[in-house]
Amino acid sequence: MAGLRKKWRVGLVAVLALAAIGVLLYVSRTTEPSFQGRALSQWLSDIENANDDREAEPARNAVRQIGTNAIPYLLGMMRAKDPRLKQTIINLFGKQHVFRFRIANSTSKHLHSMLGFEALGAEASSAIPDLKMLVNNPNAVRFAVAALAHINPDGVEAATSGLQSTNAIVRRETAGVLGLMGLVRFRTNALPADLDLLAAQADRTVPPLIRALSDSDELTRARAATSLGLLGQKPEVTVPALIKNLQVTNSWRVPASAAKGLGRFGKNAAPALPALKAIAAHSNSRVREAASSAIEAIEAESGPRLE
């Protein structure tokens, strides 16, 4: 009898939880902007699930049609947190096999928010102050920084504010995400306008990342070095700064990341060759491998070696 009562209580809690979730979903859907009869969140899911940019473009266009009406909703998603009760419910229904449905957690909402801001681009400029505040949230920083970087140059500058945070996690994530802007350099279908934009943003991205090479946190220094290499901008100031980090002796991450970063500058990092060769026999295998790869990449672009 006691066992039946316990099962009955668990079942009742599950039903009430489902009812509460249903009400919340209904309310959110009725206030959510839409286009062509589909809610914004549905279009954002289409972007997430698209196989490539071409497949995602219709959904991105739908977000642009919704326009600035999407901003309050996107900011709400970026602010999302998972209360303990909600996380308990997610875990509860994730373990059972009777009901099959998905409850979006905060990370999923942060991702969808970022995709929405990316689609809106400069049209989302009014959201910059709110997103800048969210950069200081360790749980949302990755997505807030990425969202800001896709808006406009002012958004890029706001994104770098995370490098000044007193929270090491925020600084690490910011340093890492800023480098993703440089991935356009490695795309075979990159447009000249995309590369021009990357170069134009260098005044906002490179100086704070160079300062981050001296951060008190090892992972922040390492990620800053990696990001500077991905961006590949301002070699006249970036290469000497990365050379300095090759000489760090109390960490393998920092010199290895600096070596990888230098390798991505190709022939523009030729002045780093002596320093790279000096650590080619480093006691740590990761540093040796990074130095060797960087030397190979730089010399391949610099032409035949002079013996």
C-alpha atoms as a PDB file:
ATOM      1  CA  MET A   1       0.000   0.000   0.000  1.00  0.00           C
ATOM      2  CA  ALA A   2       2.802   2.405   0.928  1.00  0.00           C
ATOM      3  CA  GLY A   3       4.463   1.623  -2.392  1.00  0.00           C
ATOM      4  CA  LEU A   4       1.283   2.449  -4.310  1.00  0.00           C
ATOM      5  CA  ARG A   5       0.889   5.755  -2.465  1.00  0.00           C
ATOM      6  CA  LYS A   6       4.485   6.674  -3.294  1.00  0.00           C
ATOM      7  CA  LYS A   7       3.987   5.885  -6.977  1.00  0.00           C
ATOM      8  CA  TRP A   8       0.728   7.852  -6.960  1.00  0.00           C
ATOM      9  CA  ARG A   9       2.506  10.897  -5.513  1.00  0.00           C
ATOM     10  CA  VAL A  10       5.309  10.662  -8.072  1.00  0.00           C
ATOM     11  CA  GLY A  11       2.721  10.399 -10.846  1.00  0.00           C
ATOM     12  CA  LEU A  12       0.812  13.399  -9.528  1.00  0.00           C
ATOM     13  CA  VAL A  13       3.990  15.480  -9.324  1.00  0.00           C
ATOM     14  CA  ALA A  14       4.829  14.510 -12.911  1.00  0.00           C
ATOM     15  CA  VAL A  15       1.355  15.487 -14.153  1.00  0.00           C
ATOM     16  CA  LEU A  16       1.471  18.824 -12.316  1.00  0.00           C
ATOM     17  CA  ALA A  17       4.943  19.482 -13.651  1.00  0.00           C
ATOM     18  CA  LEU A  18       3.767  18.768 -17.191  1.00  0.00           C
ATOM     19  CA  ALA A  19       0.800  21.070 -16.713  1.00  0.00           C
ATOM     20  CA  ALA A  20       3.034  23.869 -15.427  1.00  0.00           C
ATOM     21  CA  ILE A  21       5.425  23.445 -18.339  1.00  0.00           C
ATOM     22  CA  GLY A  22       2.500  23.441 -20.764  1.00  0.00           C
ATOM     23  CA  VAL A  23       1.200  26.718 -19.366  1.00  0.00           C
ATOM     24  CA  LEU A  24       4.642  28.315 -19.566  1.00  0.00           C
ATOM     25  CA  LEU A  25       5.117  27.144 -23.145  1.00  0.00           C
ATOM     26  CA  TYR A  26       1.683  28.422 -24.121  1.00  0.00           C
ATOM     27  CA  VAL A  27       2.263  31.832 -22.585  1.00  0.00           C
ATOM     28  CA  SER A  28       5.709  32.170 -24.158  1.00  0.00           C
ATOM     29  CA  ARG A  29       4.384  31.124 -27.567  1.00  0.00           C
ATOM     30  CA  THR A  30       1.487  33.580 -27.455  1.00  0.00           C
ATOM     31  CA  THR A  31       3.903  36.491 -26.808  1.00  0.00           C
ATOM     32  CA  GLU A  32       6.612  35.266 -29.172  1.00  0.00           C
ATOM     33  CA  PRO A  33       6.994  37.097 -32.519  1.00  0.00           C
ATOM     34  CA  SER A  34       6.380  35.086 -35.640  1.00  0.00           C
ATOM     35  CA  PHE A  35       6.654  35.148 -39.441  1.00  0.00           C
ATOM     36  CA  GLN A  36       4.509  33.261 -41.939  1.00  0.00           C
ATOM     37  CA  GLY A  37       2.707  31.494 -39.109  1.00  0.00           C
ATOM     38  CA  ARG A  38       5.851  30.105 -37.505  1.00  0.00           C
ATOM     39  CA  ALA A  39       7.250  31.280 -34.180  1.00  0.00           C
ATOM     40  CA  LEU A  40      10.688  32.863 -33.957  1.00  0.00           C
ATOM     41  CA  SER A  41      11.977  29.900 -31.925  1.00  0.00           C
ATOM     42  CA  GLN A  42      11.008  27.549 -34.764  1.00  0.00           C
ATOM     43  CA  TRP A  43      12.995  29.580 -37.276  1.00  0.00           C
ATOM     44  CA  LEU A  44      15.954  29.595 -34.874  1.00  0.00           C
ATOM     45  CA  SER A  45      15.746  25.799 -34.611  1.00  0.00           C
ATOM     46  CA  ASP A  46      15.877  25.638 -38.417  1.00  0.00           C
ATOM     47  CA  ILE A  47      19.095  27.685 -38.399  1.00  0.00           C
ATOM     48  CA  GLU A  48      20.622  25.420 -35.757  1.00  0.00           C
ATOM     49  CA  ASN A  49      19.727  22.247 -37.648  1.00  0.00           C
ATOM     50  CA  ALA A  50      20.747  23.477 -41.117  1.00  0.00           C
ATOM     51  CA  ASN A  51      23.617  21.621 -42.757  1.00  0.00           C
ATOM     52  CA  ASP A  52      25.222  24.746 -44.192  1.00  0.00           C
ATOM     53  CA  ASP A  53      24.761  28.491 -44.651  1.00  0.00           C
ATOM     54  CA  ARG A  54      22.777  28.033 -47.840  1.00  0.00           C
ATOM     55  CA  GLU A  55      20.247  25.785 -46.131  1.00  0.00           C
ATOM     56  CA  ALA A  56      20.015  28.161 -43.173  1.00  0.00           C
ATOM     57  CA  GLU A  57      19.424  31.290 -45.263  1.00  0.00           C
ATOM     58  CA  PRO A  58      15.584  31.032 -45.523  1.00  0.00           C
ATOM     59  CA  ALA A  59      15.347  30.840 -41.728  1.00  0.00           C
ATOM     60  CA  ARG A  60      17.818  33.708 -41.299  1.00  0.00           C
ATOM     61  CA  ASN A  61      15.744  35.766 -43.707  1.00  0.00           C
ATOM     62  CA  ALA A  62      12.635  34.981 -41.646  1.00  0.00           C
ATOM     63  CA  VAL A  63      14.397  36.320 -38.531  1.00  0.00           C
ATOM     64  CA  ARG A  64      15.312  39.468 -40.463  1.00  0.00           C
ATOM     65  CA  GLN A  65      11.671  39.853 -41.498  1.00  0.00           C
ATOM     66  CA  ILE A  66      10.670  39.729 -37.828  1.00  0.00           C
ATOM     67  CA  GLY A  67      13.293  42.429 -37.318  1.00  0.00           C
ATOM     68  CA  THR A  68      13.678  44.407 -34.126  1.00  0.00           C
ATOM     69  CA  ASN A  69      10.528  42.795 -32.704  1.00  0.00           C
ATOM     70  CA  ALA A  70      12.745  39.763 -32.106  1.00  0.00           C
ATOM     71  CA  ILE A  71      15.204  41.632 -29.854  1.00  0.00           C
ATOM     72  CA  PRO A  72      13.261  41.497 -26.547  1.00  0.00           C
ATOM     73  CA  TYR A  73      12.644  37.777 -27.022  1.00  0.00           C
ATOM     74  CA  LEU A  74      16.270  37.097 -27.966  1.00  0.00           C
ATOM     75  CA  LEU A  75      17.503  38.995 -24.917  1.00  0.00           C
ATOM     76  CA  GLY A  76      15.140  36.990 -22.745  1.00  0.00           C
ATOM     77  CA  MET A  77      16.637  33.787 -24.142  1.00  0.00           C
ATOM     78  CA  MET A  78      20.161  35.048 -23.489  1.00  0.00           C
ATOM     79  CA  ARG A  79      19.205  35.794 -19.865  1.00  0.00           C
ATOM     80  CA  ALA A  80      17.706  32.316 -19.363  1.00  0.00           C
ATOM     81  CA  LYS A  81      18.726  30.315 -16.324  1.00  0.00           C
ATOM     82  CA  ASP A  82      17.823  26.798 -15.283  1.00  0.00           C
ATOM     83  CA  PRO A  83      16.168  26.902 -11.839  1.00  0.00           C
ATOM     84  CA  ARG A  84      16.767  23.838  -9.695  1.00  0.00           C
ATOM     85  CA  LEU A  85      13.156  22.654 -10.129  1.00  0.00           C
ATOM     86  CA  LYS A  86      13.360  22.882 -13.900  1.00  0.00           C
ATOM     87  CA  GLN A  87      16.650  20.997 -13.958  1.00  0.00           C
ATOM     88  CA  THR A  88      15.083  18.331 -11.754  1.00  0.00           C
ATOM     89  CA  ILE A  89      12.162  18.003 -14.166  1.00  0.00           C
ATOM     90  CA  ILE A  90      14.530  17.810 -17.147  1.00  0.00           C
ATOM     91  CA  ASN A  91      16.481  15.046 -15.424  1.00  0.00           C
ATOM     92  CA  LEU A  92      13.277  13.235 -14.358  1.00  0.00           C
ATOM     93  CA  PHE A  93      11.765  13.059 -17.812  1.00  0.00           C
ATOM     94  CA  GLY A  94      15.104  12.364 -19.405  1.00  0.00           C
ATOM     95  CA  LYS A  95      15.238   9.083 -17.485  1.00  0.00           C
ATOM     96  CA  GLN A  96      11.721   7.847 -18.166  1.00  0.00           C
ATOM     97  CA  HIS A  97      10.555   6.262 -21.440  1.00  0.00           C
ATOM     98  CA  VAL A  98       6.811   6.881 -21.443  1.00  0.00           C
ATOM     99  CA  PHE A  99       6.690  10.511 -22.559  1.00  0.00           C
ATOM    100  CA  ARG A 100       8.958  11.722 -25.340  1.00  0.00           C
ATOM    101  CA  PHE A 101       9.511  15.453 -25.441  1.00  0.00           C
ATOM    102  CA  ARG A 102      12.328  17.946 -25.111  1.00  0.00           C
ATOM    103  CA  ILE A 103      12.536  20.799 -22.625  1.00  0.00           C
ATOM    104  CA  ALA A 104      14.985  23.456 -23.765  1.00  0.00           C
ATOM    105  CA  ASN A 105      17.683  24.190 -21.215  1.00  0.00           C
ATOM    106  CA  SER A 106      19.417  27.538 -20.814  1.00  0.00           C
ATOM    107  CA  THR A 107      22.382  26.610 -23.030  1.00  0.00           C
ATOM    108  CA  SER A 108      20.044  25.793 -25.904  1.00  0.00           C
ATOM    109  CA  LYS A 109      18.302  29.139 -25.431  1.00  0.00           C
ATOM    110  CA  HIS A 110      21.616  31.003 -25.330  1.00  0.00           C
ATOM    111  CA  LEU A 111      22.615  29.329 -28.607  1.00  0.00           C
ATOM    112  CA  HIS A 112      19.327  30.220 -30.290  1.00  0.00           C
ATOM    113  CA  SER A 113      19.629  33.791 -29.065  1.00  0.00           C
ATOM    114  CA  MET A 114      23.112  34.071 -30.550  1.00  0.00           C
ATOM    115  CA  LEU A 115      21.886  32.664 -33.888  1.00  0.00           C
ATOM    116  CA  GLY A 116      19.094  35.222 -33.900  1.00  0.00           C
ATOM    117  CA  PHE A 117      21.420  38.146 -33.277  1.00  0.00           C
ATOM    118  CA  GLU A 118      23.777  36.832 -35.939  1.00  0.00           C
ATOM    119  CA  ALA A 119      20.910  36.840 -38.440  1.00  0.00           C
ATOM    120  CA  LEU A 120      19.816  40.368 -37.480  1.00  0.00           C
ATOM    121  CA  GLY A 121      23.322  41.799 -37.660  1.00  0.00           C
ATOM    122  CA  ALA A 122      23.465  45.595 -37.522  1.00  0.00           C
ATOM    123  CA  GLU A 123      19.690  45.755 -37.084  1.00  0.00           C
ATOM    124  CA  ALA A 124      20.241  44.530 -33.510  1.00  0.00           C
ATOM    125  CA  SER A 125      22.499  47.454 -32.528  1.00  0.00           C
ATOM    126  CA  SER A 126      20.025  48.603 -29.851  1.00  0.00           C
ATOM    127  CA  ALA A 127      20.732  45.357 -27.965  1.00  0.00           C
ATOM    128  CA  ILE A 128      24.460  46.079 -27.525  1.00  0.00           C
ATOM    129  CA  PRO A 129      24.215  47.577 -23.988  1.00  0.00           C
ATOM    130  CA  ASP A 130      22.146  44.638 -22.704  1.00  0.00           C
ATOM    131  CA  LEU A 131      24.390  42.050 -24.336  1.00  0.00           C
ATOM    132  CA  LYS A 132      27.476  43.781 -22.937  1.00  0.00           C
ATOM    133  CA  MET A 133      26.066  43.297 -19.439  1.00  0.00           C
ATOM    134  CA  LEU A 134      25.429  39.623 -20.186  1.00  0.00           C
ATOM    135  CA  VAL A 135      29.085  39.162 -21.138  1.00  0.00           C
ATOM    136  CA  ASN A 136      29.770  39.159 -17.385  1.00  0.00           C
ATOM    137  CA  ASN A 137      27.550  36.092 -16.915  1.00  0.00           C
ATOM    138  CA  PRO A 138      29.876  33.034 -16.904  1.00  0.00           C
ATOM    139  CA  ASN A 139      27.026  30.827 -18.157  1.00  0.00           C
ATOM    140  CA  ALA A 140      26.145  33.032 -21.132  1.00  0.00           C
ATOM    141  CA  VAL A 141      29.447  34.757 -21.949  1.00  0.00           C
ATOM    142  CA  ARG A 142      30.333  32.554 -24.952  1.00  0.00           C
ATOM    143  CA  PHE A 143      27.069  33.288 -26.692  1.00  0.00           C
ATOM    144  CA  ALA A 144      26.834  36.955 -25.671  1.00  0.00           C
ATOM    145  CA  VAL A 145      30.335  37.657 -27.016  1.00  0.00           C
ATOM    146  CA  ALA A 146      29.561  35.856 -30.289  1.00  0.00           C
ATOM    147  CA  ALA A 147      26.276  37.741 -30.633  1.00  0.00           C
ATOM    148  CA  LEU A 148      27.983  41.113 -30.112  1.00  0.00           C
ATOM    149  CA  ALA A 149      30.723  40.269 -32.596  1.00  0.00           C
ATOM    150  CA  HIS A 150      28.107  39.719 -35.333  1.00  0.00           C
ATOM    151  CA  ILE A 151      26.272  43.024 -34.861  1.00  0.00           C
ATOM    152  CA  ASN A 152      28.676  45.804 -35.851  1.00  0.00           C
ATOM    153  CA  PRO A 153      32.076  47.309 -34.882  1.00  0.00           C
ATOM    154  CA  ASP A 154      30.593  48.786 -31.699  1.00  0.00           C
ATOM    155  CA  GLY A 155      29.375  45.305 -30.825  1.00  0.00           C
ATOM    156  CA  VAL A 156      32.873  43.922 -31.346  1.00  0.00           C
ATOM    157  CA  GLU A 157      34.300  46.526 -28.990  1.00  0.00           C
ATOM    158  CA  ALA A 158      31.632  45.714 -26.398  1.00  0.00           C
ATOM    159  CA  ALA A 159      32.501  42.020 -26.734  1.00  0.00           C
ATOM    160  CA  THR A 160      36.119  42.676 -25.738  1.00  0.00           C
ATOM    161  CA  SER A 161      34.934  44.067 -22.392  1.00  0.00           C
ATOM    162  CA  GLY A 162      34.888  40.495 -21.105  1.00  0.00           C
ATOM    163  CA  LEU A 163      38.693  40.526 -21.135  1.00  0.00           C
ATOM    164  CA  GLN A 164      38.578  43.059 -18.287  1.00  0.00           C
ATOM    165  CA  SER A 165      36.294  40.983 -16.074  1.00  0.00           C
ATOM    166  CA  THR A 166      37.388  40.007 -12.585  1.00  0.00           C
ATOM    167  CA  ASN A 167      36.018  36.529 -13.335  1.00  0.00           C
ATOM    168  CA  ALA A 168      38.668  34.305 -14.927  1.00  0.00           C
ATOM    169  CA  ILE A 169      36.039  32.154 -16.673  1.00  0.00           C
ATOM    170  CA  VAL A 170      34.605  35.222 -18.394  1.00  0.00           C
ATOM    171  CA  ARG A 171      38.076  36.315 -19.529  1.00  0.00           C
ATOM    172  CA  ARG A 172      38.907  32.834 -20.829  1.00  0.00           C
ATOM    173  CA  GLU A 173      35.679  32.459 -22.776  1.00  0.00           C
ATOM    174  CA  THR A 174      35.920  35.957 -24.223  1.00  0.00           C
ATOM    175  CA  ALA A 175      39.507  35.409 -25.351  1.00  0.00           C
ATOM    176  CA  GLY A 176      38.538  32.154 -27.048  1.00  0.00           C
ATOM    177  CA  VAL A 177      35.366  33.330 -28.785  1.00  0.00           C
ATOM    178  CA  LEU A 178      36.945  36.481 -30.253  1.00  0.00           C
ATOM    179  CA  GLY A 179      39.268  34.314 -32.301  1.00  0.00           C
ATOM    180  CA  LEU A 180      36.347  32.604 -34.033  1.00  0.00           C
ATOM    181  CA  MET A 181      35.886  35.773 -36.055  1.00  0.00           C
ATOM    182  CA  GLY A 182      39.105  34.833 -37.846  1.00  0.00           C
ATOM    183  CA  LEU A 183      37.795  31.502 -39.149  1.00  0.00           C
ATOM    184  CA  VAL A 184      36.638  33.356 -42.249  1.00  0.00           C
ATOM    185  CA  ARG A 185      40.309  33.466 -43.319  1.00  0.00           C
ATOM    186  CA  PHE A 186      40.315  29.708 -43.763  1.00  0.00           C
ATOM    187  CA  ARG A 187      37.075  29.380 -45.739  1.00  0.00           C
ATOM    188  CA  THR A 188      37.471  28.646 -49.412  1.00  0.00           C
ATOM    189  CA  ASN A 189      34.269  30.578 -50.178  1.00  0.00           C
ATOM    190  CA  ALA A 190      35.164  33.675 -48.150  1.00  0.00           C
ATOM    191  CA  LEU A 191      34.218  36.924 -49.848  1.00  0.00           C
ATOM    192  CA  PRO A 192      36.698  39.829 -50.119  1.00  0.00           C
ATOM    193  CA  ALA A 193      34.205  41.941 -48.149  1.00  0.00           C
ATOM    194  CA  ASP A 194      34.373  39.451 -45.256  1.00  0.00           C
ATOM    195  CA  LEU A 195      38.167  39.654 -45.152  1.00  0.00           C
ATOM    196  CA  ASP A 196      38.051  43.447 -45.387  1.00  0.00           C
ATOM    197  CA  LEU A 197      35.664  43.546 -42.425  1.00  0.00           C
ATOM    198  CA  LEU A 198      37.983  41.325 -40.380  1.00  0.00           C
ATOM    199  CA  ALA A 199      40.885  43.696 -41.093  1.00  0.00           C
ATOM    200  CA  ALA A 200      38.771  46.740 -40.262  1.00  0.00           C
ATOM    201  CA  GLN A 201      37.856  45.259 -36.874  1.00  0.00           C
ATOM    202  CA  ALA A 202      41.496  44.628 -35.946  1.00  0.00           C
ATOM    203  CA  ASP A 203      41.857  47.931 -34.103  1.00  0.00           C
ATOM    204  CA  ARG A 204      39.136  46.722 -31.737  1.00  0.00           C
ATOM    205  CA  THR A 205      40.161  43.071 -31.349  1.00  0.00           C
ATOM    206  CA  VAL A 206      43.959  42.906 -31.474  1.00  0.00           C
ATOM    207  CA  PRO A 207      45.050  45.408 -28.769  1.00  0.00           C
ATOM    208  CA  PRO A 208      42.874  43.910 -25.977  1.00  0.00           C
ATOM    209  CA  LEU A 209      43.929  40.375 -26.951  1.00  0.00           C
ATOM    210  CA  ILE A 210      47.596  41.385 -26.857  1.00  0.00           C
ATOM    211  CA  ARG A 211      47.027  42.756 -23.357  1.00  0.00           C
ATOM    212  CA  ALA A 212      45.387  39.442 -22.455  1.00  0.00           C
ATOM    213  CA  LEU A 213      48.685  37.694 -23.271  1.00  0.00           C
ATOM    214  CA  SER A 214      49.846  39.042 -19.900  1.00  0.00           C
ATOM    215  CA  ASP A 215      46.723  37.952 -17.988  1.00  0.00           C
ATOM    216  CA  SER A 216      47.225  36.354 -14.577  1.00  0.00           C
ATOM    217  CA  ASP A 217      45.221  33.323 -15.749  1.00  0.00           C
ATOM    218  CA  GLU A 218      47.139  30.748 -17.803  1.00  0.00           C
ATOM    219  CA  LEU A 219      44.172  29.616 -19.903  1.00  0.00           C
ATOM    220  CA  THR A 220      43.273  33.196 -20.771  1.00  0.00           C
ATOM    221  CA  ARG A 221      46.833  33.800 -22.000  1.00  0.00           C
ATOM    222  CA  ALA A 222      46.773  30.609 -24.046  1.00  0.00           C
ATOM    223  CA  ARG A 223      43.387  31.336 -25.618  1.00  0.00           C
ATOM    224  CA  ALA A 224      44.411  34.908 -26.417  1.00  0.00           C
ATOM    225  CA  ALA A 225      47.445  33.581 -28.292  1.00  0.00           C
ATOM    226  CA  THR A 226      45.306  31.105 -30.227  1.00  0.00           C
ATOM    227  CA  SER A 227      42.788  33.806 -31.121  1.00  0.00           C
ATOM    228  CA  LEU A 228      45.450  36.246 -32.300  1.00  0.00           C
ATOM    229  CA  GLY A 229      46.708  33.557 -34.654  1.00  0.00           C
ATOM    230  CA  LEU A 230      43.219  32.870 -35.994  1.00  0.00           C
ATOM    231  CA  LEU A 231      42.588  36.564 -36.576  1.00  0.00           C
ATOM    232  CA  GLY A 232      45.961  36.951 -38.326  1.00  0.00           C
ATOM    233  CA  GLN A 233      45.883  40.744 -38.132  1.00  0.00           C
ATOM    234  CA  LYS A 234      48.485  43.429 -37.347  1.00  0.00           C
ATOM    235  CA  PRO A 235      51.559  41.165 -37.519  1.00  0.00           C
ATOM    236  CA  GLU A 236      53.838  44.126 -36.795  1.00  0.00           C
ATOM    237  CA  VAL A 237      52.604  44.196 -33.189  1.00  0.00           C
ATOM    238  CA  THR A 238      51.119  40.729 -32.758  1.00  0.00           C
ATOM    239  CA  VAL A 239      54.158  38.681 -33.799  1.00  0.00           C
ATOM    240  CA  PRO A 240      56.545  40.310 -31.256  1.00  0.00           C
ATOM    241  CA  ALA A 241      53.935  39.836 -28.515  1.00  0.00           C
ATOM    242  CA  LEU A 242      53.563  36.145 -29.346  1.00  0.00           C
ATOM    243  CA  ILE A 243      57.350  35.689 -29.495  1.00  0.00           C
ATOM    244  CA  LYS A 244      57.527  36.952 -25.923  1.00  0.00           C
ATOM    245  CA  ASN A 245      55.068  34.251 -24.829  1.00  0.00           C
ATOM    246  CA  LEU A 246      57.211  31.541 -26.403  1.00  0.00           C
ATOM    247  CA  GLN A 247      59.677  32.134 -23.611  1.00  0.00           C
ATOM    248  CA  VAL A 248      57.274  31.238 -20.784  1.00  0.00           C
ATOM    249  CA  THR A 249      58.845  28.429 -18.767  1.00  0.00           C
ATOM    250  CA  ASN A 250      56.248  27.642 -16.087  1.00  0.00           C
ATOM    251  CA  SER A 251      53.527  26.454 -18.488  1.00  0.00           C
ATOM    252  CA  TRP A 252      53.290  24.376 -21.651  1.00  0.00           C
ATOM    253  CA  ARG A 253      49.930  25.789 -22.761  1.00  0.00           C
ATOM    254  CA  VAL A 254      51.163  29.336 -23.231  1.00  0.00           C
ATOM    255  CA  PRO A 255      54.253  28.651 -25.422  1.00  0.00           C
ATOM    256  CA  ALA A 256      52.413  25.941 -27.380  1.00  0.00           C
ATOM    257  CA  SER A 257      49.504  28.295 -28.112  1.00  0.00           C
ATOM    258  CA  ALA A 258      51.887  31.117 -29.005  1.00  0.00           C
ATOM    259  CA  ALA A 259      53.717  28.828 -31.449  1.00  0.00           C
ATOM    260  CA  LYS A 260      50.450  27.737 -33.082  1.00  0.00           C
ATOM    261  CA  GLY A 261      49.375  31.357 -33.327  1.00  0.00           C
ATOM    262  CA  LEU A 262      52.629  32.355 -35.006  1.00  0.00           C
ATOM    263  CA  GLY A 263      52.316  29.511 -37.495  1.00  0.00           C
ATOM    264  CA  ARG A 264      49.011  30.931 -38.703  1.00  0.00           C
ATOM    265  CA  PHE A 265      50.727  34.183 -39.675  1.00  0.00           C
ATOM    266  CA  GLY A 266      52.790  32.373 -42.299  1.00  0.00           C
ATOM    267  CA  LYS A 267      55.620  34.420 -43.796  1.00  0.00           C
ATOM    268  CA  ASN A 268      54.580  37.434 -41.723  1.00  0.00           C
ATOM    269  CA  ALA A 269      55.929  35.568 -38.698  1.00  0.00           C
ATOM    270  CA  ALA A 270      59.408  35.036 -40.209  1.00  0.00           C
ATOM    271  CA  PRO A 271      61.007  37.146 -37.418  1.00  0.00           C
ATOM    272  CA  ALA A 272      59.809  34.474 -34.972  1.00  0.00           C
ATOM    273  CA  LEU A 273      61.839  31.647 -36.550  1.00  0.00           C
ATOM    274  CA  PRO A 274      64.895  31.967 -34.259  1.00  0.00           C
ATOM    275  CA  ALA A 275      62.692  31.911 -31.143  1.00  0.00           C
ATOM    276  CA  LEU A 276      60.665  28.976 -32.469  1.00  0.00           C
ATOM    277  CA  LYS A 277      63.813  27.004 -33.257  1.00  0.00           C
ATOM    278  CA  ALA A 278      65.058  27.745 -29.757  1.00  0.00           C
ATOM    279  CA  ILE A 279      62.083  25.887 -28.246  1.00  0.00           C
ATOM    280  CA  ALA A 280      62.015  23.099 -30.839  1.00  0.00           C
ATOM    281  CA  ALA A 281      63.760  20.892 -28.282  1.00  0.00           C
ATOM    282  CA  HIS A 282      61.416  21.870 -25.430  1.00  0.00           C
ATOM    283  CA  SER A 283      60.959  19.301 -22.658  1.00  0.00           C
ATOM    284  CA  ASN A 284      57.195  19.161 -23.353  1.00  0.00           C
ATOM    285  CA  SER A 285      56.106  17.248 -26.456  1.00  0.00           C
ATOM    286  CA  ARG A 286      53.143  19.566 -27.100  1.00  0.00           C
ATOM    287  CA  VAL A 287      55.433  22.584 -27.268  1.00  0.00           C
ATOM    288  CA  ARG A 288      57.887  20.736 -29.524  1.00  0.00           C
ATOM    289  CA  GLU A 289      55.114  19.716 -31.916  1.00  0.00           C
ATOM    290  CA  ALA A 290      53.614  23.223 -32.016  1.00  0.00           C
ATOM    291  CA  ALA A 291      57.023  24.807 -32.652  1.00  0.00           C
ATOM    292  CA  SER A 292      57.857  22.302 -35.393  1.00  0.00           C
ATOM    293  CA  SER A 293      54.523  22.857 -37.161  1.00  0.00           C
ATOM    294  CA  ALA A 294      54.894  26.633 -36.927  1.00  0.00           C
ATOM    295  CA  ILE A 295      58.420  26.564 -38.354  1.00  0.00           C
ATOM    296  CA  GLU A 296      57.217  24.415 -41.246  1.00  0.00           C
ATOM    297  CA  ALA A 297      54.254  26.710 -41.985  1.00  0.00           C
ATOM    298  CA  ILE A 298      56.344  29.887 -41.874  1.00  0.00           C
ATOM    299  CA  GLU A 299      59.192  28.522 -43.978  1.00  0.00           C
ATOM    300  CA  ALA A 300      56.743  27.108 -46.533  1.00  0.00           C
ATOM    301  CA  GLU A 301      55.500  30.643 -47.234  1.00  0.00           C
ATOM    302  CA  SER A 302      58.847  32.364 -46.830  1.00  0.00           C
ATOM    303  CA  GLY A 303      60.516  30.482 -49.681  1.00  0.00           C
ATOM    304  CA  PRO A 304      63.686  28.387 -49.657  1.00  0.00           C
ATOM    305  CA  ARG A 305      65.820  28.599 -46.555  1.00  0.00           C
ATOM    306  CA  LEU A 306      69.180  30.283 -46.795  1.00  0.00           C
ATOM    307  CA  GLU A 307      71.860  28.086 -45.233  1.00  0.00           C
END
